[in-house]
Amino acid sequence: MQQAGFNKIIAGLFIIGALVGLYFQFAFHKFLNNDTLSYINLAERYAAGDWEHAINGYWSPMYSWLLCCCKLVHLPLLPCCYVINFIFAGSGLYILCKFAYRYLKQALFYFAFSGYALLLMLYYAMSTLTPDLMATVLCLGFLLLITDNRFSHNKQFPLLAGLAGACAYFSKAYNFVPIHLFLGLLALLVIFKNTADKLKHLIPILKTYGVFIILSAIWITVLSIHENKLCFATSGRLNHNLVNPDYGKDFPTNENLSAPPFPTAYSIHTDPTHLLDAYDWSPFSDERNFHHQLTLIKGSFSDLIWNLDNTGAKWLVLFASLLILAITRNKRKEIIYDRSIHNITWFFACYPLLYLPLFILDRYILTDIILFHLLLFFVAQQAWGQINKKIFLPVISMLLLLSIVPFIKIGHRKLTQASSEYQYYKGFYQQVPQLSFLKDQSIAVTRNSLVEATQLCYYLQCRNYNTWTDMQYQSLKQFNIRFLLSKTELSAYPFLHIKKKMLLSTVAFYVYEVE
């Protein structure tokens, strides 16, 4: 009853947060980034029946499929991105409360974890408009099903878990590998477990794996035919080449001018798969590359630790709780808890493995960030019963409160910056009609105007040839680029003529016509 009442409070707070967030996004038009524009571009190709260009191995298809459905019923796609984010954030909060009810029996820990889940879901719902949150929620749904006590004897659960796993892959191609590793590991653990009912536990796992493979194979077959080779994604090669020790630059679309890959593409970012093919490398080709790979893994591991907890307070709580459990191991009675938490731990360990040789961003490992908090509160709850609560309660409360400091700082930063940022968004969009002459035109940008160019591609269907870095007239004429966007005064170049100057807050935005 106490938990039910608290769940209503959490749901109410989420609805309030979602309404406030959606109000600001709808009223001021939150900027979309290049990734989101690419998903929108592909959704438009799906809606137009242009399968040749819609099928894309670099960007996972599910987000574009959802946006395609919105396009077919004539809904504007950018606002749909706002709503999709909050729908999946709400679904994620529901799943996390289910996990909390299953594993966190002490009210204190249940309430604390639910509060963390609320903060995480609202924060990422209002962050970058990409399918990372959707992919995370589908992974959590997959885990919720496969760790349910009914999984071994309910015929529907393995099928639903396989479907959830396949959808997690469709929403983010990276998920194909950790789900494979996790299901394979589960099957091996059951096989080598010395129990009489191995088949009872093994068959549902194999059913889940079979459904996952069959559904995934549909998209893999389509993509492989499109790419003329067997593949489940095409992003791995570029991301691997991006960390080539001989490259050492920003993402290639920010470094040079490049033509869009097909006439209806907004930019090369819609399919950047082959931009770094010249930088193929292997960590095993020589000693230098091997040491570079080790450095990357070390850096990624540090980033992983930092992204899971950048204050150190939660790591301190976790290690202190584990130490308490180790010290009291021989004195305490057997702890009764839901053993399926072990499977959560295995998935947590499997998930970031393929990111370690490359690089890590927080939204890439959002699944691990959430599972880390679940495991943290679970372990702290187990230690709670083994020590003097009069001492443990104020200590753990202080540390957990300290761990909220980053959220408070981020929230404060967002609030203090939001007014100027959203006013900038609003001011920009109010003046977009004055730039109607850019509709369907070929444009290029300087590095300080990449974000504005992305918005104009969405609203005015510009074809963006990306970043002009060599400052040479011939490079612009080579691609027959008519307009250049910049926040820098470039009228000293004789071939650039100011077509439009816009004052945005304290920033001047220039549209130059290339003569």
Protein backbone atom coordinates (compact mmCIF):
# COMPACT_ATOMS: atom_id res chain seq x y z
CA MET A 1 0.00 0.00 0.00
CA GLN A 2 2.86 2.32 0.91
CA GLN A 3 4.62 1.53 -2.39
CA ALA A 4 1.40 1.95 -4.38
CA GLY A 5 0.92 5.43 -2.95
CA PHE A 6 4.52 6.35 -3.66
CA ASN A 7 4.21 5.05 -7.24
CA LYS A 8 1.32 7.46 -7.77
CA ILE A 9 3.50 10.32 -6.54
CA ILE A 10 6.33 9.25 -8.89
CA ALA A 11 3.88 8.97 -11.80
CA GLY A 12 2.46 12.40 -11.00
CA LEU A 13 5.92 13.97 -10.84
CA PHE A 14 6.85 12.36 -14.15
CA ILE A 15 3.70 13.68 -15.83
CA ILE A 16 4.40 17.17 -14.50
CA GLY A 17 8.03 16.99 -15.66
CA ALA A 18 6.99 15.65 -19.08
CA LEU A 19 4.40 18.39 -19.56
CA VAL A 20 6.90 21.10 -18.61
CA GLY A 21 9.56 19.59 -20.86
CA LEU A 22 7.20 19.22 -23.80
CA TYR A 23 5.95 22.79 -23.31
CA PHE A 24 9.46 24.21 -23.63
CA GLN A 25 10.30 21.96 -26.57
CA PHE A 26 7.09 22.75 -28.46
CA ALA A 27 7.03 26.45 -27.59
CA PHE A 28 10.69 27.19 -28.33
CA HIS A 29 11.58 24.41 -30.80
CA LYS A 30 14.50 22.49 -29.31
CA PHE A 31 17.24 22.10 -31.91
CA LEU A 32 17.72 18.72 -33.52
CA ASN A 33 21.20 17.36 -34.22
CA ASN A 34 22.70 15.71 -37.29
CA ASP A 35 21.86 12.20 -36.07
CA THR A 36 18.18 13.05 -35.60
CA LEU A 37 18.06 14.71 -39.02
CA SER A 38 19.42 11.50 -40.55
CA TYR A 39 16.67 9.42 -38.92
CA ILE A 40 14.08 11.92 -40.15
CA ASN A 41 15.59 11.83 -43.65
CA LEU A 42 15.35 8.03 -43.74
CA ALA A 43 11.79 8.11 -42.38
CA GLU A 44 10.83 10.40 -45.26
CA ARG A 45 12.41 7.95 -47.71
CA TYR A 46 10.45 5.04 -46.17
CA ALA A 47 7.22 7.06 -46.39
CA ALA A 48 7.95 7.87 -50.03
CA GLY A 49 8.57 4.19 -50.84
CA ASP A 50 12.21 4.89 -51.74
CA TRP A 51 13.50 1.60 -50.30
CA GLU A 52 16.89 1.81 -52.02
CA HIS A 53 17.84 4.89 -50.01
CA ALA A 54 15.71 4.23 -46.91
CA ILE A 55 17.45 0.94 -46.07
CA ASN A 56 20.55 1.99 -44.19
CA GLY A 57 23.00 0.02 -42.10
CA TYR A 58 24.60 2.97 -40.35
CA TRP A 59 21.44 4.19 -38.62
CA SER A 60 19.27 1.57 -36.88
CA PRO A 61 15.85 1.31 -38.52
CA MET A 62 13.25 1.30 -35.73
CA TYR A 63 13.33 5.02 -34.94
CA SER A 64 12.88 5.81 -38.63
CA TRP A 65 10.04 3.27 -38.84
CA LEU A 66 8.20 5.04 -36.03
CA LEU A 67 8.77 8.42 -37.65
CA CYS A 68 7.64 6.98 -41.00
CA CYS A 69 4.29 6.05 -39.41
CA CYS A 70 4.00 9.62 -38.15
CA LYS A 71 4.85 10.95 -41.61
CA LEU A 72 2.17 8.79 -43.23
CA VAL A 73 -0.51 10.35 -41.01
CA HIS A 74 0.87 13.83 -41.80
CA LEU A 75 2.36 14.60 -38.38
CA PRO A 76 5.40 16.94 -38.21
CA LEU A 77 8.41 14.75 -37.46
CA LEU A 78 10.47 16.95 -35.13
CA PRO A 79 7.63 17.34 -32.57
CA CYS A 80 7.05 13.59 -32.88
CA CYS A 81 10.65 13.07 -31.75
CA TYR A 82 9.87 15.04 -28.57
CA VAL A 83 6.81 12.91 -27.84
CA ILE A 84 8.50 9.58 -28.65
CA ASN A 85 11.28 10.39 -26.17
CA PHE A 86 8.81 11.01 -23.35
CA ILE A 87 6.68 7.96 -24.21
CA PHE A 88 9.70 5.71 -23.87
CA ALA A 89 10.87 7.59 -20.77
CA GLY A 90 7.50 6.85 -19.14
CA SER A 91 7.72 3.20 -20.20
CA GLY A 92 11.24 3.01 -18.81
CA LEU A 93 10.13 4.45 -15.47
CA TYR A 94 7.35 1.84 -15.28
CA ILE A 95 9.82 -1.00 -15.95
CA LEU A 96 12.29 0.34 -13.38
CA CYS A 97 9.57 0.51 -10.74
CA LYS A 98 8.81 -3.14 -11.56
CA PHE A 99 12.48 -3.97 -10.99
CA ALA A 100 12.41 -2.02 -7.73
CA TYR A 101 9.32 -3.90 -6.52
CA ARG A 102 11.03 -7.22 -7.31
CA TYR A 103 14.48 -6.59 -5.84
CA LEU A 104 14.21 -3.74 -3.31
CA LYS A 105 12.03 -4.98 -0.46
CA GLN A 106 13.09 -2.31 2.02
CA ALA A 107 10.91 0.79 1.59
CA LEU A 108 13.86 3.18 1.99
CA PHE A 109 15.74 1.66 -0.93
CA TYR A 110 12.63 1.26 -3.03
CA PHE A 111 11.78 4.94 -2.63
CA ALA A 112 15.36 6.10 -3.21
CA PHE A 113 15.82 4.04 -6.39
CA SER A 114 12.45 5.12 -7.77
CA GLY A 115 13.49 8.74 -7.22
CA TYR A 116 16.74 8.13 -9.09
CA ALA A 117 14.83 6.43 -11.91
CA LEU A 118 12.53 9.45 -12.18
CA LEU A 119 15.50 11.83 -12.45
CA LEU A 120 17.28 9.67 -15.03
CA MET A 121 14.24 9.21 -17.25
CA LEU A 122 13.27 12.89 -17.23
CA TYR A 123 16.84 14.02 -17.85
CA TYR A 124 17.39 11.74 -20.84
CA ALA A 125 13.89 12.40 -22.20
CA MET A 126 14.85 16.08 -22.45
CA SER A 127 18.36 15.42 -23.79
CA THR A 128 19.51 14.49 -27.29
CA LEU A 129 16.74 13.44 -29.68
CA THR A 130 18.19 10.05 -30.64
CA PRO A 131 16.95 6.45 -30.19
CA ASP A 132 19.38 5.72 -27.32
CA LEU A 133 16.63 6.08 -24.70
CA MET A 134 14.27 3.90 -26.73
CA ALA A 135 16.97 1.22 -27.12
CA THR A 136 17.66 1.32 -23.37
CA VAL A 137 13.98 0.89 -22.47
CA LEU A 138 13.67 -2.07 -24.84
CA CYS A 139 16.77 -3.67 -23.27
CA LEU A 140 15.22 -3.17 -19.83
CA GLY A 141 11.96 -4.72 -21.07
CA PHE A 142 13.96 -7.70 -22.39
CA LEU A 143 15.63 -8.11 -18.99
CA LEU A 144 12.35 -7.71 -17.09
CA LEU A 145 10.87 -10.62 -19.04
CA ILE A 146 13.88 -12.94 -18.98
CA THR A 147 14.43 -12.50 -15.22
CA ASP A 148 10.75 -12.99 -14.32
CA ASN A 149 9.96 -16.02 -12.11
CA ARG A 150 7.39 -17.12 -14.70
CA PHE A 151 9.95 -17.22 -17.53
CA SER A 152 10.66 -20.96 -17.18
CA HIS A 153 7.07 -22.19 -17.20
CA ASN A 154 5.08 -19.54 -19.09
CA LYS A 155 5.10 -20.22 -22.86
CA GLN A 156 4.60 -16.58 -23.78
CA PHE A 157 7.49 -15.07 -21.82
CA PRO A 158 10.34 -16.55 -23.94
CA LEU A 159 8.57 -15.37 -27.11
CA LEU A 160 8.02 -11.87 -25.72
CA ALA A 161 11.61 -11.71 -24.47
CA GLY A 162 12.90 -12.66 -27.94
CA LEU A 163 10.67 -10.01 -29.50
CA ALA A 164 11.92 -7.38 -27.03
CA GLY A 165 15.53 -8.36 -27.76
CA ALA A 166 14.97 -8.07 -31.52
CA CYS A 167 13.32 -4.66 -31.07
CA ALA A 168 16.32 -3.58 -28.97
CA TYR A 169 18.53 -4.54 -31.93
CA PHE A 170 16.26 -2.73 -34.41
CA SER A 171 16.44 0.40 -32.26
CA LYS A 172 20.22 0.25 -31.84
CA ALA A 173 22.35 -2.13 -33.87
CA TYR A 174 24.98 -2.30 -31.12
CA ASN A 175 22.50 -4.25 -28.94
CA PHE A 176 22.84 -7.24 -31.27
CA VAL A 177 26.18 -8.20 -29.72
CA PRO A 178 25.53 -7.85 -25.94
CA ILE A 179 22.19 -9.69 -26.27
CA HIS A 180 24.01 -12.51 -28.10
CA LEU A 181 26.70 -12.62 -25.41
CA PHE A 182 24.15 -12.54 -22.61
CA LEU A 183 21.91 -15.30 -23.98
CA GLY A 184 24.93 -17.47 -24.79
CA LEU A 185 26.30 -16.95 -21.29
CA LEU A 186 22.93 -17.81 -19.70
CA ALA A 187 22.71 -21.01 -21.74
CA LEU A 188 26.25 -22.04 -20.72
CA LEU A 189 25.57 -21.31 -17.04
CA VAL A 190 22.49 -23.54 -17.15
CA ILE A 191 24.34 -26.32 -19.02
CA PHE A 192 27.20 -26.41 -16.52
CA LYS A 193 24.93 -26.01 -13.51
CA ASN A 194 24.68 -29.22 -11.48
CA THR A 195 20.89 -29.47 -11.28
CA ALA A 196 18.36 -32.09 -12.30
CA ASP A 197 16.04 -29.69 -14.13
CA LYS A 198 18.49 -28.25 -16.68
CA LEU A 199 16.10 -28.64 -19.61
CA LYS A 200 13.36 -26.78 -17.75
CA HIS A 201 15.60 -23.69 -17.60
CA LEU A 202 17.51 -24.21 -20.86
CA ILE A 203 14.58 -24.61 -23.27
CA PRO A 204 13.03 -21.17 -22.54
CA ILE A 205 16.43 -19.52 -23.09
CA LEU A 206 16.83 -21.33 -26.41
CA LYS A 207 13.30 -20.30 -27.42
CA THR A 208 14.13 -16.67 -26.62
CA TYR A 209 17.37 -16.95 -28.57
CA GLY A 210 15.55 -18.56 -31.52
CA VAL A 211 12.90 -15.82 -31.68
CA PHE A 212 15.61 -13.16 -31.38
CA ILE A 213 17.64 -14.72 -34.22
CA ILE A 214 14.65 -15.28 -36.53
CA LEU A 215 13.34 -11.72 -36.16
CA SER A 216 16.82 -10.18 -36.38
CA ALA A 217 17.56 -12.28 -39.47
CA ILE A 218 14.73 -10.56 -41.36
CA TRP A 219 16.44 -7.17 -41.14
CA ILE A 220 19.92 -8.69 -41.52
CA THR A 221 18.82 -10.38 -44.77
CA VAL A 222 17.36 -7.14 -46.17
CA LEU A 223 20.44 -5.15 -45.15
CA SER A 224 22.88 -7.76 -46.47
CA ILE A 225 21.15 -7.80 -49.87
CA HIS A 226 21.26 -3.99 -49.91
CA GLU A 227 24.98 -3.90 -49.01
CA ASN A 228 25.94 -6.95 -51.13
CA LYS A 229 27.62 -8.58 -48.13
CA LEU A 230 26.57 -10.27 -44.91
CA CYS A 231 26.27 -7.67 -42.14
CA PHE A 232 24.04 -6.70 -39.22
CA ALA A 233 25.19 -3.02 -39.30
CA THR A 234 27.63 -0.86 -41.26
CA SER A 235 28.62 1.64 -38.56
CA GLY A 236 31.36 -0.43 -36.96
CA ARG A 237 33.98 0.10 -39.65
CA LEU A 238 33.69 3.90 -39.64
CA ASN A 239 33.70 4.12 -35.83
CA HIS A 240 36.73 1.85 -35.71
CA ASN A 241 38.55 3.94 -38.33
CA LEU A 242 37.61 7.13 -36.47
CA VAL A 243 40.03 6.11 -33.68
CA ASN A 244 42.80 5.21 -36.14
CA PRO A 245 46.08 6.55 -34.64
CA ASP A 246 46.83 8.23 -38.00
CA TYR A 247 43.47 10.03 -38.26
CA GLY A 248 43.24 12.17 -35.12
CA LYS A 249 40.46 14.48 -36.31
CA ASP A 250 36.82 15.22 -35.62
CA PHE A 251 33.97 13.30 -37.25
CA PRO A 252 34.65 13.47 -41.02
CA THR A 253 31.51 15.49 -41.81
CA ASN A 254 32.97 18.27 -39.65
CA GLU A 255 36.29 18.25 -41.47
CA ASN A 256 35.60 18.54 -45.19
CA LEU A 257 33.05 19.26 -47.88
CA SER A 258 31.19 16.15 -49.03
CA ALA A 259 28.29 15.72 -51.43
CA PRO A 260 25.05 14.16 -50.12
CA PRO A 261 24.92 10.46 -51.11
CA PHE A 262 21.66 10.73 -53.12
CA PRO A 263 19.48 13.60 -54.44
CA THR A 264 16.98 13.60 -51.56
CA ALA A 265 19.58 13.27 -48.81
CA TYR A 266 20.04 16.29 -46.58
CA SER A 267 23.77 15.60 -46.21
CA ILE A 268 26.41 12.88 -46.30
CA HIS A 269 25.59 12.32 -42.62
CA THR A 270 22.57 10.34 -43.80
CA ASP A 271 25.00 7.62 -44.86
CA PRO A 272 28.60 8.34 -43.82
CA THR A 273 29.59 4.65 -43.89
CA HIS A 274 32.49 4.90 -46.33
CA LEU A 275 33.96 8.28 -45.42
CA LEU A 276 36.94 6.78 -43.58
CA ASP A 277 37.54 3.63 -45.64
CA ALA A 278 41.04 4.92 -46.42
CA TYR A 279 41.87 4.72 -42.71
CA ASP A 280 41.36 0.97 -42.21
CA TRP A 281 43.65 -0.34 -39.49
CA SER A 282 44.22 -3.29 -37.21
CA PRO A 283 45.46 -3.19 -33.61
CA PHE A 284 47.48 -6.31 -34.37
CA SER A 285 49.34 -5.03 -37.42
CA ASP A 286 52.24 -3.59 -35.44
CA GLU A 287 53.34 -2.70 -31.91
CA ARG A 288 52.35 0.97 -32.25
CA ASN A 289 48.75 0.11 -33.16
CA PHE A 290 48.54 -2.47 -30.39
CA HIS A 291 49.65 0.04 -27.77
CA HIS A 292 47.21 2.59 -29.21
CA GLN A 293 44.39 0.06 -28.83
CA LEU A 294 45.38 -0.61 -25.21
CA THR A 295 45.35 3.15 -24.58
CA LEU A 296 41.86 3.38 -26.08
CA ILE A 297 40.59 0.55 -23.88
CA LYS A 298 42.12 2.13 -20.81
CA GLY A 299 40.55 5.49 -21.65
CA SER A 300 37.16 3.94 -22.40
CA PHE A 301 37.24 2.02 -19.13
CA SER A 302 37.99 5.23 -17.23
CA ASP A 303 35.15 6.97 -19.06
CA LEU A 304 32.85 4.06 -18.19
CA ILE A 305 33.68 4.34 -14.48
CA TRP A 306 33.25 8.12 -14.58
CA ASN A 307 29.92 7.98 -16.42
CA LEU A 308 28.53 5.45 -13.95
CA ASP A 309 29.36 7.79 -11.06
CA ASN A 310 31.35 10.99 -11.48
CA THR A 311 31.33 11.88 -7.77
CA GLY A 312 32.74 8.64 -6.37
CA ALA A 313 30.06 8.62 -3.65
CA LYS A 314 28.08 5.76 -5.21
CA TRP A 315 31.22 3.72 -5.79
CA LEU A 316 32.08 4.26 -2.11
CA VAL A 317 28.62 3.06 -1.03
CA LEU A 318 28.90 0.03 -3.31
CA PHE A 319 32.36 -1.05 -2.14
CA ALA A 320 31.53 -0.36 1.52
CA SER A 321 28.39 -2.48 1.22
CA LEU A 322 30.29 -5.31 -0.48
CA LEU A 323 32.95 -5.13 2.26
CA ILE A 324 30.29 -5.37 4.96
CA LEU A 325 28.76 -8.40 3.28
CA ALA A 326 32.20 -10.03 2.99
CA ILE A 327 33.08 -9.38 6.65
CA THR A 328 29.77 -10.71 7.95
CA ARG A 329 29.67 -13.67 5.58
CA ASN A 330 30.37 -16.34 8.22
CA LYS A 331 28.21 -14.73 10.91
CA ARG A 332 25.00 -14.00 9.10
CA LYS A 333 22.15 -16.25 8.19
CA GLU A 334 21.54 -17.06 4.55
CA ILE A 335 20.16 -13.97 2.81
CA ILE A 336 16.93 -14.63 0.95
CA TYR A 337 16.60 -12.64 -2.25
CA ASP A 338 15.53 -13.04 -5.87
CA ARG A 339 18.46 -14.80 -7.54
CA SER A 340 17.56 -13.43 -10.95
CA ILE A 341 19.53 -10.32 -9.94
CA HIS A 342 22.58 -12.36 -10.96
CA ASN A 343 21.35 -12.29 -14.57
CA ILE A 344 21.00 -8.51 -14.32
CA THR A 345 24.64 -8.39 -13.20
CA TRP A 346 25.76 -10.53 -16.15
CA PHE A 347 23.98 -8.26 -18.62
CA PHE A 348 25.51 -5.21 -16.92
CA ALA A 349 28.96 -6.76 -17.43
CA CYS A 350 28.34 -7.78 -21.06
CA TYR A 351 26.80 -4.55 -22.30
CA PRO A 352 29.77 -2.13 -22.65
CA LEU A 353 32.36 -4.62 -23.90
CA LEU A 354 32.34 -3.61 -27.57
CA TYR A 355 32.52 0.09 -26.73
CA LEU A 356 35.78 -0.36 -24.81
CA PRO A 357 38.04 -0.61 -27.92
CA LEU A 358 36.47 2.61 -29.28
CA PHE A 359 35.06 5.38 -27.08
CA ILE A 360 32.21 5.89 -24.61
CA LEU A 361 29.55 8.57 -24.26
CA ASP A 362 26.93 8.55 -21.50
CA ARG A 363 23.99 7.98 -23.88
CA TYR A 364 25.79 4.99 -25.41
CA ILE A 365 25.87 3.19 -22.06
CA LEU A 366 22.58 4.46 -20.63
CA THR A 367 21.49 0.84 -20.07
CA ASP A 368 24.55 0.25 -17.90
CA ILE A 369 24.07 3.52 -16.01
CA ILE A 370 20.55 2.50 -15.02
CA LEU A 371 21.50 -1.09 -14.13
CA PHE A 372 24.41 0.23 -12.05
CA HIS A 373 21.97 2.17 -9.89
CA LEU A 374 19.71 -0.86 -9.51
CA LEU A 375 22.64 -3.04 -8.43
CA LEU A 376 23.95 -0.31 -6.12
CA PHE A 377 20.68 -0.04 -4.21
CA PHE A 378 20.28 -3.82 -4.12
CA VAL A 379 23.75 -4.39 -2.61
CA ALA A 380 23.29 -1.53 -0.13
CA GLN A 381 19.97 -3.06 0.92
CA GLN A 382 21.66 -6.42 1.58
CA ALA A 383 24.33 -4.73 3.73
CA TRP A 384 21.59 -2.78 5.52
CA GLY A 385 20.48 -5.87 7.42
CA GLN A 386 23.96 -6.78 8.61
CA ILE A 387 25.12 -3.70 10.54
CA ASN A 388 24.02 -1.17 13.11
CA LYS A 389 21.35 0.84 11.32
CA LYS A 390 21.89 3.81 13.65
CA ILE A 391 25.33 4.21 12.09
CA PHE A 392 24.62 2.98 8.57
CA LEU A 393 21.50 5.06 7.95
CA PRO A 394 23.06 8.54 8.33
CA VAL A 395 26.25 7.49 6.52
CA ILE A 396 24.52 5.97 3.49
CA SER A 397 21.97 8.79 3.40
CA MET A 398 24.74 11.37 3.34
CA LEU A 399 26.63 9.55 0.59
CA LEU A 400 23.53 9.03 -1.54
CA LEU A 401 22.56 12.65 -1.11
CA LEU A 402 26.08 13.59 -2.17
CA SER A 403 25.67 11.44 -5.27
CA ILE A 404 22.64 13.54 -6.27
CA VAL A 405 24.87 16.63 -6.43
CA PRO A 406 25.69 16.08 -10.14
CA PHE A 407 21.97 15.95 -10.95
CA ILE A 408 21.43 19.18 -9.01
CA LYS A 409 24.36 20.83 -10.80
CA ILE A 410 23.14 19.63 -14.20
CA GLY A 411 19.61 20.76 -13.40
CA HIS A 412 20.86 24.15 -12.21
CA ARG A 413 23.01 24.49 -15.32
CA LYS A 414 20.07 23.58 -17.54
CA LEU A 415 17.81 26.05 -15.77
CA THR A 416 20.34 28.89 -15.89
CA GLN A 417 21.23 28.20 -19.52
CA ALA A 418 17.75 27.19 -20.64
CA SER A 419 16.37 30.71 -20.80
CA SER A 420 19.14 31.94 -23.10
CA GLU A 421 19.24 28.69 -25.11
CA TYR A 422 15.50 28.51 -25.63
CA GLN A 423 15.34 32.23 -26.44
CA TYR A 424 18.06 31.63 -29.03
CA TYR A 425 16.03 28.70 -30.47
CA LYS A 426 12.89 30.84 -30.58
CA GLY A 427 14.67 33.82 -32.12
CA PHE A 428 16.21 31.61 -34.79
CA TYR A 429 12.93 29.94 -35.75
CA GLN A 430 11.08 33.25 -35.86
CA GLN A 431 13.50 34.39 -38.57
CA VAL A 432 13.56 31.15 -40.59
CA PRO A 433 10.81 32.47 -42.96
CA GLN A 434 13.24 35.25 -43.94
CA LEU A 435 15.57 32.54 -45.25
CA SER A 436 13.01 31.00 -47.60
CA PHE A 437 15.38 31.68 -50.50
CA LEU A 438 17.48 28.77 -49.15
CA LYS A 439 14.76 26.21 -49.88
CA ASP A 440 16.16 23.25 -51.86
CA GLN A 441 19.51 25.05 -52.22
CA SER A 442 23.03 23.64 -51.90
CA ILE A 443 24.73 25.02 -48.80
CA ALA A 444 27.99 24.69 -46.91
CA VAL A 445 28.88 25.81 -43.39
CA THR A 446 31.76 26.84 -41.20
CA ARG A 447 32.29 24.86 -38.01
CA ASN A 448 30.48 27.38 -35.81
CA SER A 449 27.20 27.06 -37.76
CA LEU A 450 26.72 23.29 -37.99
CA VAL A 451 23.69 23.23 -35.68
CA GLU A 452 21.86 26.04 -37.48
CA ALA A 453 22.47 24.36 -40.84
CA THR A 454 20.86 21.18 -39.52
CA GLN A 455 17.68 23.09 -38.64
CA LEU A 456 17.54 24.72 -42.06
CA CYS A 457 17.92 21.34 -43.76
CA TYR A 458 14.85 20.13 -41.88
CA TYR A 459 12.69 23.22 -42.45
CA LEU A 460 13.87 24.31 -45.89
CA GLN A 461 15.10 21.00 -47.35
CA CYS A 462 18.56 22.37 -48.02
CA ARG A 463 21.27 20.02 -49.26
CA ASN A 464 24.17 20.45 -46.88
CA TYR A 465 27.66 19.82 -48.25
CA ASN A 466 29.00 20.11 -44.72
CA THR A 467 32.05 21.97 -43.50
CA TRP A 468 34.14 24.42 -45.49
CA THR A 469 37.54 24.26 -43.81
CA ASP A 470 40.12 25.04 -46.50
CA MET A 471 38.65 28.54 -47.12
CA GLN A 472 39.29 28.12 -50.86
CA TYR A 473 36.94 29.35 -53.59
CA GLN A 474 37.54 26.31 -55.79
CA SER A 475 36.30 23.85 -53.17
CA LEU A 476 32.94 25.66 -53.05
CA LYS A 477 32.63 25.82 -56.83
CA GLN A 478 33.64 22.18 -57.20
CA PHE A 479 30.33 21.16 -55.62
CA ASN A 480 28.40 24.07 -57.14
CA ILE A 481 27.55 25.38 -53.65
CA ARG A 482 25.47 28.52 -53.78
CA PHE A 483 25.26 29.63 -50.12
CA LEU A 484 27.61 29.53 -47.12
CA LEU A 485 26.37 29.77 -43.52
CA SER A 486 28.58 31.17 -40.79
CA LYS A 487 28.65 33.10 -37.53
CA THR A 488 31.88 34.71 -38.66
CA GLU A 489 32.32 37.88 -40.71
CA LEU A 490 33.77 36.63 -44.03
CA SER A 491 33.04 39.55 -46.35
CA ALA A 492 36.79 40.02 -46.81
CA TYR A 493 36.65 37.09 -49.21
CA PRO A 494 35.82 38.65 -52.60
CA PHE A 495 33.74 35.68 -53.75
CA LEU A 496 31.37 35.86 -50.71
CA HIS A 497 28.52 38.36 -50.68
CA ILE A 498 26.25 38.84 -47.64
CA LYS A 499 22.79 37.73 -48.68
CA LYS A 500 21.24 37.91 -45.19
CA LYS A 501 22.46 38.90 -41.73
CA MET A 502 20.43 37.85 -38.69
CA LEU A 503 20.96 39.00 -35.12
CA LEU A 504 20.30 36.08 -32.78
CA SER A 505 20.56 37.11 -29.14
CA THR A 506 24.18 38.32 -28.95
CA VAL A 507 25.31 36.40 -32.04
CA ALA A 508 25.30 37.46 -35.68
CA PHE A 509 24.39 34.77 -38.21
CA TYR A 510 25.39 35.31 -41.83
CA VAL A 511 24.17 33.77 -45.06
CA TYR A 512 26.70 34.38 -47.82
CA GLU A 513 26.02 33.93 -51.51
CA VAL A 514 28.91 32.39 -53.40
CA GLU A 515 29.51 34.42 -56.57
